Amino acid sequence: MTEFNILRAADRKGVPWKNGGGLTEEVAVHPPGADYDDFLWRVSIATISGESAFSILPGVCRLFCTLEGRLSIKINGQSQDIGPDDPAIRFDGSSTVSARPLDGPTRNFNLMTRKGFSGSLTQMSGIFCLSGDIALLLATQPTTVTIGECPMLLDSLDVLSLQHVQCCAIQSSAPVSCAEITSSV
């Protein structure tokens, strides 16, 4: 049976990037309380206000998408511009990555996984079905998410955390960003 709870944006605290170059809001981490050296998966929201180098995280698969603003991101010397309508990009945590906002600060959604876990970052809206071990639905604006007969109001940047997702039908009144995590162990 699918279990769920709401992770309120107001309850999050800023956590320094591993390289000290900025702050991120940790949404969820497994195991709970893990740091950059021993997490198995991690979901966070980061604001990039100026030219920034990403932390080097060997052994980590990273997925990254922009929620607000446009960003020029350079991965191992290859540049591309991304914005909220673009799909998430995937890169190895040991890659050399830097980013520069194109039109003011950007807000970004990150999923990091280690061996034994995989994931995806996608935009969802309307009625959709999820399945997997864990799904985290990030509201980018006030949203009502309904599971079965249970409506839940999410404020902007709140996250609905679902565990043991078994082909769960969900309805959202506005688009949400979804991090899905699956264990292979």
Protein backbone atom coordinates (compact mmCIF):
# COMPACT_ATOMS: atom_id res chain seq x y z
CA MET A 1 0.00 0.00 0.00
CA THR A 2 1.25 3.46 -0.91
CA GLU A 3 2.29 5.58 2.07
CA PHE A 4 2.55 9.34 1.80
CA ASN A 5 3.38 12.49 3.72
CA ILE A 6 3.87 16.16 2.91
CA LEU A 7 7.31 17.72 3.29
CA ARG A 8 6.65 21.44 3.75
CA ALA A 9 9.02 23.96 2.18
CA ALA A 10 8.88 26.05 5.36
CA ASP A 11 10.46 23.17 7.32
CA ARG A 12 13.56 22.86 5.10
CA LYS A 13 16.96 24.18 6.03
CA GLY A 14 19.81 25.28 3.84
CA VAL A 15 22.73 22.87 3.51
CA PRO A 16 26.11 24.00 2.10
CA TRP A 17 27.19 22.46 -1.20
CA LYS A 18 29.98 19.93 -0.76
CA ASN A 19 32.40 22.40 -2.41
CA GLY A 20 31.10 25.28 -0.25
CA GLY A 21 30.05 27.24 -3.35
CA GLY A 22 26.43 27.78 -2.34
CA LEU A 23 23.43 26.50 -0.42
CA THR A 24 20.83 23.91 -1.30
CA GLU A 25 17.57 22.95 0.38
CA GLU A 26 17.63 19.25 1.15
CA VAL A 27 14.20 17.78 0.36
CA ALA A 28 14.94 14.15 1.26
CA VAL A 29 17.96 11.91 1.73
CA HIS A 30 18.43 8.18 2.28
CA PRO A 31 19.44 7.00 4.72
CA PRO A 32 18.00 9.84 6.84
CA GLY A 33 20.75 12.12 8.15
CA ALA A 34 23.31 10.98 5.56
CA ASP A 35 25.83 13.52 4.29
CA TYR A 36 27.44 13.93 0.85
CA ASP A 37 29.85 11.03 1.45
CA ASP A 38 27.36 8.35 2.47
CA PHE A 39 23.90 9.04 0.99
CA LEU A 40 22.37 6.40 -1.27
CA TRP A 41 20.01 8.91 -2.87
CA ARG A 42 19.36 12.61 -2.32
CA VAL A 43 16.80 15.12 -3.62
CA SER A 44 17.37 18.85 -3.26
CA ILE A 45 16.43 22.30 -4.56
CA ALA A 46 19.26 24.72 -5.29
CA THR A 47 19.28 28.39 -6.23
CA ILE A 48 22.02 29.52 -8.60
CA SER A 49 22.54 33.30 -8.53
CA GLY A 50 25.87 33.63 -10.34
CA GLU A 51 28.60 31.64 -12.08
CA SER A 52 28.88 28.41 -10.07
CA ALA A 53 30.99 25.26 -10.15
CA PHE A 54 29.17 22.07 -9.16
CA SER A 55 30.55 19.82 -6.44
CA ILE A 56 32.48 16.78 -7.65
CA LEU A 57 30.69 13.62 -6.44
CA PRO A 58 32.41 10.46 -7.78
CA GLY A 59 30.16 7.40 -7.95
CA VAL A 60 26.99 9.50 -8.12
CA CYS A 61 24.53 9.74 -11.02
CA ARG A 62 23.05 13.24 -11.13
CA LEU A 63 19.81 14.44 -12.69
CA PHE A 64 19.18 18.18 -12.85
CA CYS A 65 16.36 20.36 -14.13
CA THR A 66 15.51 24.04 -13.92
CA LEU A 67 12.28 25.03 -12.18
CA GLU A 68 12.58 28.82 -12.60
CA GLY A 69 14.81 30.90 -14.88
CA ARG A 70 17.17 29.92 -17.68
CA LEU A 71 20.65 28.57 -17.15
CA SER A 72 23.72 27.92 -19.28
CA ILE A 73 25.27 24.69 -18.02
CA LYS A 74 28.66 23.35 -19.11
CA ILE A 75 29.39 19.64 -18.58
CA ASN A 76 32.95 18.50 -19.40
CA GLY A 77 33.35 21.46 -21.77
CA GLN A 78 30.00 21.01 -23.59
CA SER A 79 27.51 23.89 -23.05
CA GLN A 80 23.76 23.94 -23.33
CA ASP A 81 21.02 26.33 -22.23
CA ILE A 82 18.14 24.90 -20.19
CA GLY A 83 14.91 26.24 -18.73
CA PRO A 84 11.75 25.00 -17.03
CA ASP A 85 10.30 23.50 -20.23
CA ASP A 86 13.39 21.41 -20.99
CA PRO A 87 13.83 17.81 -19.88
CA ALA A 88 16.18 16.96 -17.02
CA ILE A 89 19.81 16.40 -17.88
CA ARG A 90 21.78 13.43 -16.57
CA PHE A 91 25.51 13.50 -15.85
CA ASP A 92 28.14 11.67 -13.86
CA GLY A 93 28.95 13.19 -10.48
CA SER A 94 32.68 13.15 -11.29
CA SER A 95 32.10 15.42 -14.32
CA THR A 96 33.40 18.97 -14.38
CA VAL A 97 30.22 21.07 -14.33
CA SER A 98 29.59 24.80 -14.09
CA ALA A 99 26.49 26.91 -14.59
CA ARG A 100 25.61 30.53 -15.21
CA PRO A 101 22.11 32.07 -14.96
CA LEU A 102 21.02 33.72 -18.21
CA ASP A 103 18.34 36.07 -16.87
CA GLY A 104 18.66 36.27 -13.08
CA PRO A 105 18.74 33.63 -10.33
CA THR A 106 17.46 30.14 -11.14
CA ARG A 107 15.81 27.53 -8.94
CA ASN A 108 16.79 23.95 -9.77
CA PHE A 109 15.65 20.43 -8.83
CA ASN A 110 18.32 17.77 -8.26
CA LEU A 111 18.25 13.99 -7.87
CA MET A 112 21.46 12.16 -6.99
CA THR A 113 21.72 8.36 -6.77
CA ARG A 114 24.47 5.90 -6.02
CA LYS A 115 24.93 2.27 -7.12
CA GLY A 116 21.84 0.21 -6.30
CA PHE A 117 19.43 3.06 -7.02
CA SER A 118 18.20 4.71 -10.20
CA GLY A 119 15.87 7.58 -10.82
CA SER A 120 14.17 10.04 -13.12
CA LEU A 121 13.08 13.68 -13.02
CA THR A 122 10.00 14.55 -15.07
CA GLN A 123 7.18 17.09 -15.25
CA MET A 124 3.68 15.69 -14.63
CA SER A 125 0.21 17.21 -14.84
CA GLY A 126 -3.43 16.20 -14.97
CA ILE A 127 -3.98 12.51 -14.22
CA PHE A 128 -0.92 10.26 -14.21
CA CYS A 129 0.23 6.94 -12.82
CA LEU A 130 3.39 6.30 -10.82
CA SER A 131 5.03 3.07 -9.78
CA GLY A 132 8.31 2.43 -8.02
CA ASP A 133 9.81 2.55 -4.59
CA ILE A 134 9.67 6.30 -3.92
CA ALA A 135 8.18 9.31 -5.70
CA LEU A 136 8.61 12.93 -4.62
CA LEU A 137 6.17 15.38 -6.22
CA LEU A 138 7.37 18.99 -6.03
CA ALA A 139 4.72 21.71 -6.40
CA THR A 140 6.09 24.68 -8.33
CA GLN A 141 2.93 26.64 -7.47
CA PRO A 142 0.03 26.02 -5.08
CA THR A 143 -1.45 22.70 -6.19
CA THR A 144 -4.04 20.17 -5.11
CA VAL A 145 -2.81 16.60 -5.54
CA THR A 146 -5.39 13.83 -5.20
CA ILE A 147 -4.61 10.17 -4.54
CA GLY A 148 -7.76 8.08 -4.66
CA GLU A 149 -10.32 10.12 -2.70
CA CYS A 150 -7.71 12.02 -0.67
CA PRO A 151 -6.99 15.60 -1.87
CA MET A 152 -3.90 17.34 -0.44
CA LEU A 153 -3.07 21.02 -0.81
CA LEU A 154 0.58 21.73 -1.52
CA ASP A 155 1.95 25.25 -1.30
CA SER A 156 4.68 26.34 -3.70
CA LEU A 157 7.82 24.18 -3.22
CA ASP A 158 6.09 21.69 -0.88
CA VAL A 159 6.77 18.04 -1.71
CA LEU A 160 4.42 15.09 -1.53
CA SER A 161 6.54 12.05 -0.62
CA LEU A 162 5.15 8.65 -1.64
CA GLN A 163 6.71 5.34 -0.58
CA HIS A 164 5.94 1.81 -1.83
CA VAL A 165 4.21 3.21 -4.92
CA GLN A 166 2.20 0.43 -6.61
CA CYS A 167 0.81 1.87 -9.86
CA CYS A 168 -0.74 4.76 -8.01
CA ALA A 169 -3.15 7.01 -9.98
CA ILE A 170 -2.62 10.66 -9.11
CA GLN A 171 -4.37 13.83 -10.19
CA SER A 172 -2.74 17.24 -9.95
CA SER A 173 -4.45 20.60 -10.47
CA ALA A 174 -1.18 22.13 -11.76
CA PRO A 175 2.09 20.73 -13.13
CA VAL A 176 4.46 19.12 -10.61
CA SER A 177 8.08 18.05 -10.90
CA CYS A 178 8.48 14.38 -10.04
CA ALA A 179 11.58 12.58 -8.76
CA GLU A 180 11.09 8.81 -8.96
CA ILE A 181 13.59 6.54 -7.23
CA THR A 182 13.88 2.78 -7.65
CA SER A 183 16.07 0.39 -5.70
CA SER A 184 17.78 -2.51 -7.45
CA VAL A 185 19.10 -3.98 -4.18
